[in-house]
Amino acid sequence: MPKFYEHIREDGTVEYRNVDYDVLMEELSRQTSNDEQNFDIPAPTDEDNLNVVLHTRKRAYPPIEDFVDAWVKQDEAALEEYRQKCLDVKATYPKPE
């Protein structure tokens, strides 16, 4: 049966650790670093890049409520302002070529 000891954390709470805690943590750290070295991350595809741009644009566009309000009121100045904000977003986040 493994033996445990009390370890007092910096915040004053007590943690019960296995007597081999340091050895186990070192082994876990070594396994994690080996796993990270063997893990190949694929390069982003054009579709991935496009999805990132589209998602970013979606979050940057002005609220649709602004458009609806201007359209219902037939406020040409507000509609033009909305269009300009949308064009600014498109210019800021262009689609990848």
PDB file of N, CA and C in Angstrom:
ATOM      1  N   MET A   1       0.840  -1.166   0.000  1.00  0.00           N
ATOM      2  CA  MET A   1       0.000   0.000   0.000  1.00  0.00           C
ATOM      3  C   MET A   1       0.898   1.247   0.000  1.00  0.00           C
ATOM      4  N   PRO A   2       0.605   2.220  -0.912  1.00  0.00           N
ATOM      5  CA  PRO A   2       1.455   3.409  -0.975  1.00  0.00           C
ATOM      6  C   PRO A   2       1.343   4.254   0.285  1.00  0.00           C
ATOM      7  N   LYS A   3       2.431   4.924   0.614  1.00  0.00           N
ATOM      8  CA  LYS A   3       2.450   5.795   1.775  1.00  0.00           C
ATOM      9  C   LYS A   3       2.285   7.237   1.312  1.00  0.00           C
ATOM     10  N   PHE A   4       1.630   8.035   2.150  1.00  0.00           N
ATOM     11  CA  PHE A   4       1.361   9.421   1.825  1.00  0.00           C
ATOM     12  C   PHE A   4       1.900  10.319   2.922  1.00  0.00           C
ATOM     13  N   TYR A   5       2.148  11.560   2.565  1.00  0.00           N
ATOM     14  CA  TYR A   5       2.562  12.558   3.548  1.00  0.00           C
ATOM     15  C   TYR A   5       1.790  13.845   3.287  1.00  0.00           C
ATOM     16  N   GLU A   6       1.714  14.693   4.317  1.00  0.00           N
ATOM     17  CA  GLU A   6       1.013  15.960   4.190  1.00  0.00           C
ATOM     18  C   GLU A   6       1.952  16.996   3.588  1.00  0.00           C
ATOM     19  N   HIS A   7       1.463  17.670   2.551  1.00  0.00           N
ATOM     20  CA  HIS A   7       2.216  18.766   1.931  1.00  0.00           C
ATOM     21  C   HIS A   7       1.367  20.021   2.082  1.00  0.00           C
ATOM     22  N   ILE A   8       1.941  21.065   2.687  1.00  0.00           N
ATOM     23  CA  ILE A   8       1.221  22.321   2.883  1.00  0.00           C
ATOM     24  C   ILE A   8       1.490  23.204   1.662  1.00  0.00           C
ATOM     25  N   ARG A   9       0.409  23.549   0.951  1.00  0.00           N
ATOM     26  CA  ARG A   9       0.522  24.416  -0.228  1.00  0.00           C
ATOM     27  C   ARG A   9       0.758  25.849   0.211  1.00  0.00           C
ATOM     28  N   GLU A  10       1.108  26.710  -0.776  1.00  0.00           N
ATOM     29  CA  GLU A  10       1.361  28.120  -0.482  1.00  0.00           C
ATOM     30  C   GLU A  10       0.118  28.819   0.070  1.00  0.00           C
ATOM     31  N   ASP A  11      -1.065  28.362  -0.363  1.00  0.00           N
ATOM     32  CA  ASP A  11      -2.301  29.006   0.113  1.00  0.00           C
ATOM     33  C   ASP A  11      -2.749  28.480   1.476  1.00  0.00           C
ATOM     34  N   GLY A  12      -1.962  27.577   2.072  1.00  0.00           N
ATOM     35  CA  GLY A  12      -2.266  27.085   3.409  1.00  0.00           C
ATOM     36  C   GLY A  12      -3.067  25.799   3.442  1.00  0.00           C
ATOM     37  N   THR A  13      -3.557  25.333   2.292  1.00  0.00           N
ATOM     38  CA  THR A  13      -4.324  24.089   2.272  1.00  0.00           C
ATOM     39  C   THR A  13      -3.377  22.898   2.321  1.00  0.00           C
ATOM     40  N   VAL A  14      -3.931  21.789   2.759  1.00  0.00           N
ATOM     41  CA  VAL A  14      -3.140  20.570   2.904  1.00  0.00           C
ATOM     42  C   VAL A  14      -3.409  19.659   1.715  1.00  0.00           C
ATOM     43  N   GLU A  15      -2.336  19.100   1.194  1.00  0.00           N
ATOM     44  CA  GLU A  15      -2.439  18.146   0.085  1.00  0.00           C
ATOM     45  C   GLU A  15      -1.728  16.873   0.540  1.00  0.00           C
ATOM     46  N   TYR A  16      -2.349  15.734   0.305  1.00  0.00           N
ATOM     47  CA  TYR A  16      -1.727  14.463   0.657  1.00  0.00           C
ATOM     48  C   TYR A  16      -1.056  13.908  -0.588  1.00  0.00           C
ATOM     49  N   ARG A  17       0.265  13.731  -0.483  1.00  0.00           N
ATOM     50  CA  ARG A  17       1.046  13.272  -1.624  1.00  0.00           C
ATOM     51  C   ARG A  17       1.626  11.891  -1.363  1.00  0.00           C
ATOM     52  N   ASN A  18       1.762  11.170  -2.452  1.00  0.00           N
ATOM     53  CA  ASN A  18       2.437   9.879  -2.420  1.00  0.00           C
ATOM     54  C   ASN A  18       3.908  10.142  -2.113  1.00  0.00           C
ATOM     55  N   VAL A  19       4.548   9.240  -1.373  1.00  0.00           N
ATOM     56  CA  VAL A  19       5.959   9.443  -1.031  1.00  0.00           C
ATOM     57  C   VAL A  19       6.819   9.500  -2.295  1.00  0.00           C
ATOM     58  N   ASP A  20       6.353   8.898  -3.371  1.00  0.00           N
ATOM     59  CA  ASP A  20       7.090   8.923  -4.636  1.00  0.00           C
ATOM     60  C   ASP A  20       6.589  10.046  -5.556  1.00  0.00           C
ATOM     61  N   TYR A  21       5.975  11.086  -4.994  1.00  0.00           N
ATOM     62  CA  TYR A  21       5.364  12.162  -5.771  1.00  0.00           C
ATOM     63  C   TYR A  21       6.342  12.790  -6.758  1.00  0.00           C
ATOM     64  N   ASP A  22       7.514  13.161  -6.295  1.00  0.00           N
ATOM     65  CA  ASP A  22       8.484  13.831  -7.159  1.00  0.00           C
ATOM     66  C   ASP A  22       8.907  12.929  -8.317  1.00  0.00           C
ATOM     67  N   VAL A  23       9.108  11.660  -8.037  1.00  0.00           N
ATOM     68  CA  VAL A  23       9.497  10.710  -9.083  1.00  0.00           C
ATOM     69  C   VAL A  23       8.354  10.546 -10.095  1.00  0.00           C
ATOM     70  N   LEU A  24       7.127  10.423  -9.586  1.00  0.00           N
ATOM     71  CA  LEU A  24       5.967  10.259 -10.474  1.00  0.00           C
ATOM     72  C   LEU A  24       5.763  11.499 -11.344  1.00  0.00           C
ATOM     73  N   MET A  25       5.908  12.698 -10.761  1.00  0.00           N
ATOM     74  CA  MET A  25       5.735  13.923 -11.524  1.00  0.00           C
ATOM     75  C   MET A  25       6.821  14.078 -12.584  1.00  0.00           C
ATOM     76  N   GLU A  26       8.050  13.692 -12.249  1.00  0.00           N
ATOM     77  CA  GLU A  26       9.140  13.765 -13.222  1.00  0.00           C
ATOM     78  C   GLU A  26       8.876  12.798 -14.383  1.00  0.00           C
ATOM     79  N   GLU A  27       8.392  11.621 -14.086  1.00  0.00           N
ATOM     80  CA  GLU A  27       8.072  10.639 -15.128  1.00  0.00           C
ATOM     81  C   GLU A  27       6.931  11.138 -16.009  1.00  0.00           C
ATOM     82  N   LEU A  28       5.917  11.719 -15.402  1.00  0.00           N
ATOM     83  CA  LEU A  28       4.797  12.276 -16.156  1.00  0.00           C
ATOM     84  C   LEU A  28       5.269  13.409 -17.060  1.00  0.00           C
ATOM     85  N   SER A  29       6.132  14.261 -16.545  1.00  0.00           N
ATOM     86  CA  SER A  29       6.672  15.366 -17.336  1.00  0.00           C
ATOM     87  C   SER A  29       7.474  14.840 -18.523  1.00  0.00           C
ATOM     88  N   ARG A  30       8.268  13.815 -18.300  1.00  0.00           N
ATOM     89  CA  ARG A  30       9.074  13.214 -19.371  1.00  0.00           C
ATOM     90  C   ARG A  30       8.169  12.594 -20.438  1.00  0.00           C
ATOM     91  N   GLN A  31       7.109  11.912 -20.018  1.00  0.00           N
ATOM     92  CA  GLN A  31       6.176  11.310 -20.977  1.00  0.00           C
ATOM     93  C   GLN A  31       5.459  12.385 -21.783  1.00  0.00           C
ATOM     94  N   THR A  32       5.069  13.458 -21.123  1.00  0.00           N
ATOM     95  CA  THR A  32       4.368  14.543 -21.811  1.00  0.00           C
ATOM     96  C   THR A  32       5.267  15.190 -22.850  1.00  0.00           C
ATOM     97  N   SER A  33       6.525  15.439 -22.501  1.00  0.00           N
ATOM     98  CA  SER A  33       7.429  16.073 -23.466  1.00  0.00           C
ATOM     99  C   SER A  33       7.701  15.136 -24.636  1.00  0.00           C
ATOM    100  N   ASN A  34       7.777  13.831 -24.395  1.00  0.00           N
ATOM    101  CA  ASN A  34       7.957  12.877 -25.495  1.00  0.00           C
ATOM    102  C   ASN A  34       6.734  12.853 -26.394  1.00  0.00           C
ATOM    103  N   ASP A  35       5.538  12.909 -25.805  1.00  0.00           N
ATOM    104  CA  ASP A  35       4.306  12.911 -26.589  1.00  0.00           C
ATOM    105  C   ASP A  35       4.227  14.149 -27.465  1.00  0.00           C
ATOM    106  N   GLU A  36       4.647  15.293 -26.913  1.00  0.00           N
ATOM    107  CA  GLU A  36       4.593  16.529 -27.680  1.00  0.00           C
ATOM    108  C   GLU A  36       5.557  16.493 -28.855  1.00  0.00           C
ATOM    109  N   GLN A  37       6.699  15.858 -28.686  1.00  0.00           N
ATOM    110  CA  GLN A  37       7.679  15.780 -29.762  1.00  0.00           C
ATOM    111  C   GLN A  37       7.182  14.885 -30.886  1.00  0.00           C
ATOM    112  N   ASN A  38       6.418  13.877 -30.563  1.00  0.00           N
ATOM    113  CA  ASN A  38       5.937  12.930 -31.570  1.00  0.00           C
ATOM    114  C   ASN A  38       4.624  13.360 -32.201  1.00  0.00           C
ATOM    115  N   PHE A  39       4.073  14.463 -31.752  1.00  0.00           N
ATOM    116  CA  PHE A  39       2.774  14.904 -32.235  1.00  0.00           C
ATOM    117  C   PHE A  39       2.966  15.851 -33.404  1.00  0.00           C
ATOM    118  N   ASP A  40       2.531  15.449 -34.591  1.00  0.00           N
ATOM    119  CA  ASP A  40       2.651  16.280 -35.779  1.00  0.00           C
ATOM    120  C   ASP A  40       1.387  17.089 -35.964  1.00  0.00           C
ATOM    121  N   ILE A  41       1.544  18.399 -36.021  1.00  0.00           N
ATOM    122  CA  ILE A  41       0.410  19.282 -36.245  1.00  0.00           C
ATOM    123  C   ILE A  41       0.355  19.583 -37.731  1.00  0.00           C
ATOM    124  N   PRO A  42      -0.757  19.238 -38.376  1.00  0.00           N
ATOM    125  CA  PRO A  42      -0.838  19.507 -39.815  1.00  0.00           C
ATOM    126  C   PRO A  42      -0.908  21.004 -40.090  1.00  0.00           C
ATOM    127  N   ALA A  43      -0.337  21.380 -41.213  1.00  0.00           N
ATOM    128  CA  ALA A  43      -0.385  22.787 -41.616  1.00  0.00           C
ATOM    129  C   ALA A  43      -1.826  23.149 -41.961  1.00  0.00           C
ATOM    130  N   PRO A  44      -2.237  24.382 -41.649  1.00  0.00           N
ATOM    131  CA  PRO A  44      -3.607  24.776 -41.979  1.00  0.00           C
ATOM    132  C   PRO A  44      -3.825  24.774 -43.497  1.00  0.00           C
ATOM    133  N   THR A  45      -4.979  24.321 -43.893  1.00  0.00           N
ATOM    134  CA  THR A  45      -5.322  24.304 -45.304  1.00  0.00           C
ATOM    135  C   THR A  45      -5.953  25.637 -45.686  1.00  0.00           C
ATOM    136  N   ASP A  46      -6.141  25.844 -46.993  1.00  0.00           N
ATOM    137  CA  ASP A  46      -6.798  27.069 -47.452  1.00  0.00           C
ATOM    138  C   ASP A  46      -8.207  27.164 -46.876  1.00  0.00           C
ATOM    139  N   GLU A  47      -8.874  26.016 -46.764  1.00  0.00           N
ATOM    140  CA  GLU A  47     -10.232  26.004 -46.203  1.00  0.00           C
ATOM    141  C   GLU A  47     -10.212  26.420 -44.736  1.00  0.00           C
ATOM    142  N   ASP A  48      -9.200  25.960 -43.991  1.00  0.00           N
ATOM    143  CA  ASP A  48      -9.071  26.370 -42.589  1.00  0.00           C
ATOM    144  C   ASP A  48      -8.879  27.875 -42.481  1.00  0.00           C
ATOM    145  N   ASN A  49      -7.996  28.411 -43.325  1.00  0.00           N
ATOM    146  CA  ASN A  49      -7.739  29.855 -43.305  1.00  0.00           C
ATOM    147  C   ASN A  49      -9.002  30.629 -43.635  1.00  0.00           C
ATOM    148  N   LEU A  50      -9.750  30.166 -44.623  1.00  0.00           N
ATOM    149  CA  LEU A  50     -10.990  30.834 -45.001  1.00  0.00           C
ATOM    150  C   LEU A  50     -11.989  30.789 -43.855  1.00  0.00           C
ATOM    151  N   ASN A  51     -12.091  29.654 -43.184  1.00  0.00           N
ATOM    152  CA  ASN A  51     -13.022  29.538 -42.059  1.00  0.00           C
ATOM    153  C   ASN A  51     -12.651  30.491 -40.931  1.00  0.00           C
ATOM    154  N   VAL A  52     -11.360  30.666 -40.679  1.00  0.00           N
ATOM    155  CA  VAL A  52     -10.921  31.601 -39.638  1.00  0.00           C
ATOM    156  C   VAL A  52     -11.323  33.018 -40.011  1.00  0.00           C
ATOM    157  N   VAL A  53     -11.087  33.389 -41.273  1.00  0.00           N
ATOM    158  CA  VAL A  53     -11.440  34.736 -41.724  1.00  0.00           C
ATOM    159  C   VAL A  53     -12.944  34.955 -41.629  1.00  0.00           C
ATOM    160  N   LEU A  54     -13.715  33.992 -42.093  1.00  0.00           N
ATOM    161  CA  LEU A  54     -15.171  34.140 -42.066  1.00  0.00           C
ATOM    162  C   LEU A  54     -15.692  34.235 -40.637  1.00  0.00           C
ATOM    163  N   HIS A  55     -15.141  33.447 -39.742  1.00  0.00           N
ATOM    164  CA  HIS A  55     -15.561  33.487 -38.341  1.00  0.00           C
ATOM    165  C   HIS A  55     -15.190  34.838 -37.717  1.00  0.00           C
ATOM    166  N   THR A  56     -13.990  35.320 -38.011  1.00  0.00           N
ATOM    167  CA  THR A  56     -13.550  36.604 -37.474  1.00  0.00           C
ATOM    168  C   THR A  56     -14.418  37.738 -38.011  1.00  0.00           C
ATOM    169  N   ARG A  57     -14.719  37.679 -39.308  1.00  0.00           N
ATOM    170  CA  ARG A  57     -15.595  38.699 -39.897  1.00  0.00           C
ATOM    171  C   ARG A  57     -16.961  38.686 -39.225  1.00  0.00           C
ATOM    172  N   LYS A  58     -17.495  37.491 -39.039  1.00  0.00           N
ATOM    173  CA  LYS A  58     -18.839  37.377 -38.452  1.00  0.00           C
ATOM    174  C   LYS A  58     -18.898  38.066 -37.100  1.00  0.00           C
ATOM    175  N   ARG A  59     -17.849  37.914 -36.310  1.00  0.00           N
ATOM    176  CA  ARG A  59     -17.825  38.538 -34.990  1.00  0.00           C
ATOM    177  C   ARG A  59     -17.592  40.042 -35.072  1.00  0.00           C
ATOM    178  N   ALA A  60     -16.966  40.523 -36.165  1.00  0.00           N
ATOM    179  CA  ALA A  60     -16.625  41.938 -36.284  1.00  0.00           C
ATOM    180  C   ALA A  60     -17.726  42.770 -36.935  1.00  0.00           C
ATOM    181  N   TYR A  61     -18.609  42.124 -37.676  1.00  0.00           N
ATOM    182  CA  TYR A  61     -19.677  42.876 -38.339  1.00  0.00           C
ATOM    183  C   TYR A  61     -20.553  43.591 -37.309  1.00  0.00           C
ATOM    184  N   PRO A  62     -21.123  44.734 -37.694  1.00  0.00           N
ATOM    185  CA  PRO A  62     -22.041  45.419 -36.775  1.00  0.00           C
ATOM    186  C   PRO A  62     -23.301  44.572 -36.570  1.00  0.00           C
ATOM    187  N   PRO A  63     -24.003  44.798 -35.481  1.00  0.00           N
ATOM    188  CA  PRO A  63     -25.205  43.995 -35.205  1.00  0.00           C
ATOM    189  C   PRO A  63     -26.255  44.167 -36.305  1.00  0.00           C
ATOM    190  N   ILE A  64     -26.904  43.081 -36.665  1.00  0.00           N
ATOM    191  CA  ILE A  64     -27.934  43.098 -37.709  1.00  0.00           C
ATOM    192  C   ILE A  64     -29.107  43.978 -37.293  1.00  0.00           C
ATOM    193  N   GLU A  65     -29.289  44.152 -35.995  1.00  0.00           N
ATOM    194  CA  GLU A  65     -30.362  45.009 -35.506  1.00  0.00           C
ATOM    195  C   GLU A  65     -30.204  46.444 -36.003  1.00  0.00           C
ATOM    196  N   ASP A  66     -28.926  46.889 -36.154  1.00  0.00           N
ATOM    197  CA  ASP A  66     -28.681  48.234 -36.680  1.00  0.00           C
ATOM    198  C   ASP A  66     -29.202  48.351 -38.114  1.00  0.00           C
ATOM    199  N   PHE A  67     -28.972  47.313 -38.903  1.00  0.00           N
ATOM    200  CA  PHE A  67     -29.459  47.319 -40.281  1.00  0.00           C
ATOM    201  C   PHE A  67     -30.987  47.319 -40.316  1.00  0.00           C
ATOM    202  N   VAL A  68     -31.585  46.452 -39.536  1.00  0.00           N
ATOM    203  CA  VAL A  68     -33.049  46.338 -39.528  1.00  0.00           C
ATOM    204  C   VAL A  68     -33.681  47.650 -39.101  1.00  0.00           C
ATOM    205  N   ASP A  69     -33.133  48.266 -38.077  1.00  0.00           N
ATOM    206  CA  ASP A  69     -33.662  49.538 -37.603  1.00  0.00           C
ATOM    207  C   ASP A  69     -33.590  50.602 -38.705  1.00  0.00           C
ATOM    208  N   ALA A  70     -32.454  50.689 -39.381  1.00  0.00           N
ATOM    209  CA  ALA A  70     -32.300  51.674 -40.456  1.00  0.00           C
ATOM    210  C   ALA A  70     -33.224  51.360 -41.627  1.00  0.00           C
ATOM    211  N   TRP A  71     -33.388  50.098 -41.939  1.00  0.00           N
ATOM    212  CA  TRP A  71     -34.234  49.692 -43.064  1.00  0.00           C
ATOM    213  C   TRP A  71     -35.713  50.001 -42.778  1.00  0.00           C
ATOM    214  N   VAL A  72     -36.157  49.676 -41.567  1.00  0.00           N
ATOM    215  CA  VAL A  72     -37.551  49.934 -41.194  1.00  0.00           C
ATOM    216  C   VAL A  72     -37.835  51.440 -41.227  1.00  0.00           C
ATOM    217  N   LYS A  73     -36.895  52.228 -40.748  1.00  0.00           N
ATOM    218  CA  LYS A  73     -37.081  53.676 -40.720  1.00  0.00           C
ATOM    219  C   LYS A  73     -36.774  54.334 -42.070  1.00  0.00           C
ATOM    220  N   GLN A  74     -36.277  53.518 -43.019  1.00  0.00           N
ATOM    221  CA  GLN A  74     -35.851  54.039 -44.322  1.00  0.00           C
ATOM    222  C   GLN A  74     -34.867  55.191 -44.160  1.00  0.00           C
ATOM    223  N   ASP A  75     -33.939  55.009 -43.220  1.00  0.00           N
ATOM    224  CA  ASP A  75     -32.907  55.998 -42.917  1.00  0.00           C
ATOM    225  C   ASP A  75     -31.690  55.714 -43.794  1.00  0.00           C
ATOM    226  N   GLU A  76     -31.584  56.442 -44.909  1.00  0.00           N
ATOM    227  CA  GLU A  76     -30.514  56.204 -45.877  1.00  0.00           C
ATOM    228  C   GLU A  76     -29.130  56.451 -45.277  1.00  0.00           C
ATOM    229  N   ALA A  77     -29.013  57.446 -44.416  1.00  0.00           N
ATOM    230  CA  ALA A  77     -27.714  57.733 -43.794  1.00  0.00           C
ATOM    231  C   ALA A  77     -27.272  56.568 -42.901  1.00  0.00           C
ATOM    232  N   ALA A  78     -28.200  56.021 -42.127  1.00  0.00           N
ATOM    233  CA  ALA A  78     -27.878  54.883 -41.254  1.00  0.00           C
ATOM    234  C   ALA A  78     -27.579  53.636 -42.078  1.00  0.00           C
ATOM    235  N   LEU A  79     -28.317  53.434 -43.185  1.00  0.00           N
ATOM    236  CA  LEU A  79     -28.038  52.293 -44.068  1.00  0.00           C
ATOM    237  C   LEU A  79     -26.641  52.409 -44.671  1.00  0.00           C
ATOM    238  N   GLU A  80     -26.290  53.603 -45.106  1.00  0.00           N
ATOM    239  CA  GLU A  80     -24.963  53.811 -45.689  1.00  0.00           C
ATOM    240  C   GLU A  80     -23.869  53.613 -44.644  1.00  0.00           C
ATOM    241  N   GLU A  81     -24.130  54.078 -43.424  1.00  0.00           N
ATOM    242  CA  GLU A  81     -23.168  53.871 -42.335  1.00  0.00           C
ATOM    243  C   GLU A  81     -22.972  52.377 -42.066  1.00  0.00           C
ATOM    244  N   TYR A  82     -24.074  51.619 -42.073  1.00  0.00           N
ATOM    245  CA  TYR A  82     -24.007  50.173 -41.866  1.00  0.00           C
ATOM    246  C   TYR A  82     -23.203  49.510 -42.991  1.00  0.00           C
ATOM    247  N   ARG A  83     -23.500  49.906 -44.236  1.00  0.00           N
ATOM    248  CA  ARG A  83     -22.760  49.350 -45.385  1.00  0.00           C
ATOM    249  C   ARG A  83     -21.263  49.630 -45.241  1.00  0.00           C
ATOM    250  N   GLN A  84     -20.946  50.861 -44.849  1.00  0.00           N
ATOM    251  CA  GLN A  84     -19.536  51.236 -44.724  1.00  0.00           C
ATOM    252  C   GLN A  84     -18.836  50.423 -43.642  1.00  0.00           C
ATOM    253  N   LYS A  85     -19.511  50.195 -42.529  1.00  0.00           N
ATOM    254  CA  LYS A  85     -18.932  49.369 -41.462  1.00  0.00           C
ATOM    255  C   LYS A  85     -18.667  47.956 -41.966  1.00  0.00           C
ATOM    256  N   CYS A  86     -19.598  47.406 -42.755  1.00  0.00           N
ATOM    257  CA  CYS A  86     -19.414  46.064 -43.314  1.00  0.00           C
ATOM    258  C   CYS A  86     -18.230  46.029 -44.275  1.00  0.00           C
ATOM    259  N   LEU A  87     -18.112  47.057 -45.106  1.00  0.00           N
ATOM    260  CA  LEU A  87     -16.986  47.119 -46.047  1.00  0.00           C
ATOM    261  C   LEU A  87     -15.658  47.276 -45.306  1.00  0.00           C
ATOM    262  N   ASP A  88     -15.665  48.012 -44.208  1.00  0.00           N
ATOM    263  CA  ASP A  88     -14.457  48.154 -43.399  1.00  0.00           C
ATOM    264  C   ASP A  88     -14.018  46.804 -42.821  1.00  0.00           C
ATOM    265  N   VAL A  89     -14.984  46.004 -42.368  1.00  0.00           N
ATOM    266  CA  VAL A  89     -14.675  44.678 -41.845  1.00  0.00           C
ATOM    267  C   VAL A  89     -14.068  43.814 -42.954  1.00  0.00           C
ATOM    268  N   LYS A  90     -14.656  43.859 -44.143  1.00  0.00           N
ATOM    269  CA  LYS A  90     -14.132  43.075 -45.261  1.00  0.00           C
ATOM    270  C   LYS A  90     -12.715  43.503 -45.632  1.00  0.00           C
ATOM    271  N   ALA A  91     -12.432  44.807 -45.550  1.00  0.00           N
ATOM    272  CA  ALA A  91     -11.094  45.301 -45.857  1.00  0.00           C
ATOM    273  C   ALA A  91     -10.091  44.900 -44.767  1.00  0.00           C
ATOM    274  N   THR A  92     -10.552  44.914 -43.518  1.00  0.00           N
ATOM    275  CA  THR A  92      -9.677  44.567 -42.412  1.00  0.00           C
ATOM    276  C   THR A  92      -9.340  43.078 -42.410  1.00  0.00           C
ATOM    277  N   TYR A  93     -10.310  42.234 -42.768  1.00  0.00           N
ATOM    278  CA  TYR A  93     -10.121  40.778 -42.776  1.00  0.00           C
ATOM    279  C   TYR A  93     -10.382  40.239 -44.182  1.00  0.00           C
ATOM    280  N   PRO A  94      -9.428  40.421 -45.104  1.00  0.00           N
ATOM    281  CA  PRO A  94      -9.657  39.957 -46.466  1.00  0.00           C
ATOM    282  C   PRO A  94      -9.607  38.423 -46.537  1.00  0.00           C
ATOM    283  N   LYS A  95     -10.312  37.880 -47.514  1.00  0.00           N
ATOM    284  CA  LYS A  95     -10.268  36.435 -47.732  1.00  0.00           C
ATOM    285  C   LYS A  95      -8.885  36.032 -48.248  1.00  0.00           C
ATOM    286  N   PRO A  96      -8.377  34.892 -47.816  1.00  0.00           N
ATOM    287  CA  PRO A  96      -7.083  34.446 -48.329  1.00  0.00           C
ATOM    288  C   PRO A  96      -7.186  34.092 -49.806  1.00  0.00           C
ATOM    289  N   GLU A  97      -6.105  34.343 -50.508  1.00  0.00           N
ATOM    290  CA  GLU A  97      -6.122  34.083 -51.953  1.00  0.00           C
ATOM    291  C   GLU A  97      -5.658  32.692 -52.271  1.00  0.00           C
TER     292      GLU A  97
END
